[in-house]
N, C-alpha and C. Protein backbone atom coordinates (compact mmCIF):
# COMPACT_ATOMS: atom_id res chain seq x y z
N UNK A 1 1.30 18.65 -0.35
CA UNK A 1 -0.04 18.21 -0.11
C UNK A 1 -0.37 16.81 -0.53
N UNK A 2 -1.07 16.00 0.23
CA UNK A 2 -1.37 14.69 -0.08
C UNK A 2 -2.60 14.57 -0.95
N UNK A 3 -2.62 13.61 -1.85
CA UNK A 3 -3.82 13.39 -2.72
C UNK A 3 -4.77 12.67 -1.58
N UNK A 4 -6.07 12.65 -2.04
CA UNK A 4 -7.04 11.92 -1.23
C UNK A 4 -6.76 10.49 -1.18
N UNK A 5 -6.38 9.75 -2.37
CA UNK A 5 -5.96 8.44 -2.29
C UNK A 5 -4.86 8.18 -1.44
N UNK A 6 -3.85 8.94 -1.53
CA UNK A 6 -2.67 8.82 -0.66
C UNK A 6 -2.87 8.91 0.73
N UNK A 7 -3.79 9.86 1.08
CA UNK A 7 -4.07 10.07 2.60
C UNK A 7 -4.99 8.91 3.09
N UNK A 8 -5.77 8.33 2.21
CA UNK A 8 -6.69 7.13 2.60
C UNK A 8 -5.85 5.97 2.68
N UNK A 9 -4.81 5.76 1.80
CA UNK A 9 -3.89 4.64 1.96
C UNK A 9 -3.09 4.74 3.09
N UNK A 10 -2.55 5.90 3.41
CA UNK A 10 -1.77 6.17 4.63
C UNK A 10 -2.52 5.77 5.93
N UNK A 11 -3.82 6.28 5.97
CA UNK A 11 -4.61 6.11 7.04
C UNK A 11 -4.90 4.49 7.37
N UNK A 12 -5.14 3.76 6.27
CA UNK A 12 -5.30 2.31 6.37
C UNK A 12 -4.08 1.76 6.81
N UNK A 13 -2.90 2.04 6.39
CA UNK A 13 -1.64 1.42 6.87
C UNK A 13 -1.39 1.80 8.36
N UNK A 14 -1.70 2.99 8.60
CA UNK A 14 -1.41 3.36 10.06
C UNK A 14 -2.42 2.69 11.02
N UNK A 15 -3.47 2.14 10.45
CA UNK A 15 -4.51 1.43 11.33
C UNK A 15 -4.07 -0.03 11.36
N UNK A 16 -3.06 -0.52 10.69
CA UNK A 16 -2.47 -1.80 10.74
C UNK A 16 -2.94 -2.65 9.56
N UNK A 17 -3.69 -2.15 8.62
CA UNK A 17 -3.99 -2.87 7.40
C UNK A 17 -2.74 -3.21 6.53
N UNK A 18 -2.81 -4.33 5.95
CA UNK A 18 -1.81 -4.72 4.95
C UNK A 18 -2.57 -4.56 3.56
N UNK A 19 -1.90 -3.88 2.64
CA UNK A 19 -2.51 -3.67 1.37
C UNK A 19 -1.77 -4.26 0.20
N UNK A 20 -2.57 -4.82 -0.70
CA UNK A 20 -2.01 -5.40 -1.99
C UNK A 20 -2.65 -4.42 -3.08
N UNK A 21 -2.21 -4.49 -4.28
CA UNK A 21 -2.78 -3.65 -5.42
C UNK A 21 -4.28 -4.00 -5.61
N UNK A 22 -4.72 -5.30 -5.42
CA UNK A 22 -6.12 -5.52 -5.63
C UNK A 22 -6.98 -4.98 -4.45
N UNK A 23 -6.51 -5.05 -3.35
CA UNK A 23 -7.33 -4.39 -2.14
C UNK A 23 -7.39 -2.88 -2.34
N UNK A 24 -6.17 -2.20 -2.77
CA UNK A 24 -6.17 -0.81 -3.00
C UNK A 24 -7.17 -0.43 -4.10
N UNK A 25 -7.23 -1.20 -5.07
CA UNK A 25 -8.17 -0.97 -6.23
C UNK A 25 -9.63 -0.96 -5.70
N UNK A 26 -10.04 -1.96 -4.90
CA UNK A 26 -11.33 -2.15 -4.41
C UNK A 26 -11.67 -0.97 -3.29
N UNK A 27 -10.84 -0.85 -2.49
CA UNK A 27 -11.08 0.11 -1.41
C UNK A 27 -10.93 1.59 -1.80
N UNK A 28 -9.99 1.90 -2.58
CA UNK A 28 -9.57 3.34 -2.81
C UNK A 28 -9.67 3.80 -4.30
N UNK A 29 -9.99 2.79 -5.20
CA UNK A 29 -9.95 3.14 -6.59
C UNK A 29 -8.58 3.46 -7.08
N UNK A 30 -7.60 2.84 -6.46
CA UNK A 30 -6.16 3.22 -6.83
C UNK A 30 -5.75 2.10 -7.70
N UNK A 31 -5.26 2.42 -9.01
CA UNK A 31 -4.67 1.53 -9.92
C UNK A 31 -3.21 1.41 -9.77
N UNK A 32 -2.57 2.38 -9.09
CA UNK A 32 -1.10 2.42 -8.96
C UNK A 32 -0.62 2.44 -7.57
N UNK A 33 -0.91 1.39 -6.74
CA UNK A 33 -0.52 1.50 -5.39
C UNK A 33 0.89 1.55 -5.12
N UNK A 34 1.79 0.89 -6.06
CA UNK A 34 3.26 1.18 -5.89
C UNK A 34 3.66 2.53 -6.00
N UNK A 35 3.10 3.29 -6.85
CA UNK A 35 3.47 4.75 -6.91
C UNK A 35 3.08 5.51 -5.80
N UNK A 36 1.85 5.28 -5.13
CA UNK A 36 1.35 5.91 -4.05
C UNK A 36 2.40 5.56 -2.81
N UNK A 37 2.85 4.42 -2.66
CA UNK A 37 3.75 4.00 -1.66
C UNK A 37 4.97 4.61 -1.90
N UNK A 38 5.47 4.71 -3.15
CA UNK A 38 6.79 5.53 -3.38
C UNK A 38 6.62 6.90 -2.85
N UNK A 39 5.50 7.53 -3.20
CA UNK A 39 5.27 8.99 -2.69
C UNK A 39 5.37 9.02 -1.16
N UNK A 40 4.78 8.14 -0.48
CA UNK A 40 4.65 8.10 0.94
C UNK A 40 6.02 7.93 1.51
N UNK A 41 6.81 6.93 0.87
CA UNK A 41 8.34 6.78 1.26
C UNK A 41 9.14 7.92 1.17
N UNK A 42 8.97 8.66 0.12
CA UNK A 42 9.70 9.88 -0.16
C UNK A 42 9.38 10.99 0.91
N UNK A 43 8.18 10.93 1.56
CA UNK A 43 7.79 11.87 2.49
C UNK A 43 8.23 11.44 3.87
N UNK A 44 8.94 10.24 3.85
CA UNK A 44 9.60 9.76 5.24
C UNK A 44 8.83 8.65 5.92
N UNK A 45 7.78 8.18 5.39
CA UNK A 45 7.04 7.01 5.97
C UNK A 45 7.80 5.77 5.85
N UNK A 46 7.97 4.89 6.87
CA UNK A 46 8.67 3.58 6.85
C UNK A 46 7.61 2.48 6.52
N UNK A 47 7.54 2.23 5.24
CA UNK A 47 6.48 1.29 4.73
C UNK A 47 7.21 -0.07 4.40
N UNK A 48 6.90 -1.05 4.94
CA UNK A 48 7.55 -2.46 4.62
C UNK A 48 6.82 -3.05 3.42
N UNK A 49 7.56 -4.02 2.77
CA UNK A 49 6.96 -4.77 1.55
C UNK A 49 7.52 -6.03 1.50
N UNK A 50 6.70 -6.94 1.12
CA UNK A 50 6.95 -8.40 0.73
C UNK A 50 6.16 -8.86 -0.47
N UNK A 51 6.75 -9.73 -1.17
CA UNK A 51 6.04 -10.34 -2.35
C UNK A 51 5.33 -11.51 -1.99
N UNK A 52 4.11 -11.74 -2.48
CA UNK A 52 3.25 -12.84 -2.28
C UNK A 52 3.04 -13.56 -3.52
N UNK A 53 2.79 -14.83 -3.46
CA UNK A 53 2.45 -15.63 -4.65
C UNK A 53 1.02 -15.92 -4.55
N UNK A 54 0.18 -15.59 -5.45
CA UNK A 54 -1.23 -15.89 -5.49
C UNK A 54 -1.52 -17.26 -5.94
N UNK A 55 -2.75 -17.77 -5.72
CA UNK A 55 -3.01 -19.22 -6.23
C UNK A 55 -2.78 -19.40 -7.65
N UNK A 56 -2.92 -18.36 -8.52
CA UNK A 56 -2.68 -18.44 -9.90
C UNK A 56 -1.23 -18.48 -10.37
N UNK A 57 -0.40 -18.18 -9.25
CA UNK A 57 0.96 -18.02 -9.61
C UNK A 57 1.52 -16.73 -9.84
N UNK A 58 0.78 -15.78 -9.84
CA UNK A 58 1.19 -14.29 -10.02
C UNK A 58 1.83 -13.85 -8.68
N UNK A 59 2.71 -12.95 -8.81
CA UNK A 59 3.44 -12.39 -7.63
C UNK A 59 2.99 -10.87 -7.47
N UNK A 60 2.49 -10.65 -6.27
CA UNK A 60 2.02 -9.22 -5.98
C UNK A 60 2.74 -8.75 -4.68
N UNK A 61 2.70 -7.46 -4.59
CA UNK A 61 3.31 -6.80 -3.38
C UNK A 61 2.30 -6.58 -2.31
N UNK A 62 2.64 -6.76 -1.18
CA UNK A 62 1.93 -6.50 0.06
C UNK A 62 2.66 -5.43 0.86
N UNK A 63 2.03 -4.36 1.28
CA UNK A 63 2.69 -3.25 1.96
C UNK A 63 1.98 -3.03 3.38
N UNK A 64 2.84 -2.66 4.39
CA UNK A 64 2.32 -2.40 5.77
C UNK A 64 3.28 -1.48 6.38
N UNK A 65 2.93 -0.93 7.53
CA UNK A 65 3.72 -0.07 8.34
C UNK A 65 4.02 -1.02 9.57
N UNK A 66 5.36 -1.26 9.79
CA UNK A 66 5.81 -1.96 10.97
C UNK A 66 5.62 -1.28 12.17
N UNK A 67 4.96 -1.73 13.19
CA UNK A 67 4.79 -0.95 14.40
C UNK A 67 5.83 -1.25 15.60
N UNK A 68 7.02 -1.86 15.20
CA UNK A 68 7.94 -2.21 16.27
C UNK A 68 8.56 -0.99 16.89
């Protein structure tokens, strides 16, 4: 069974949104986006990831579902 956070994150990804930890915190109250993504990948969802560099120099992950 999916958690509410997990199902909301999956829905956003399926709608074509790209999510970062800050976006997930603001939209879903999710403090551990990487853990939710891991759970979804274990269930067979093909979620892509790339690392972004913020203006402050921090590196953050961005996740999406590739529609190819």
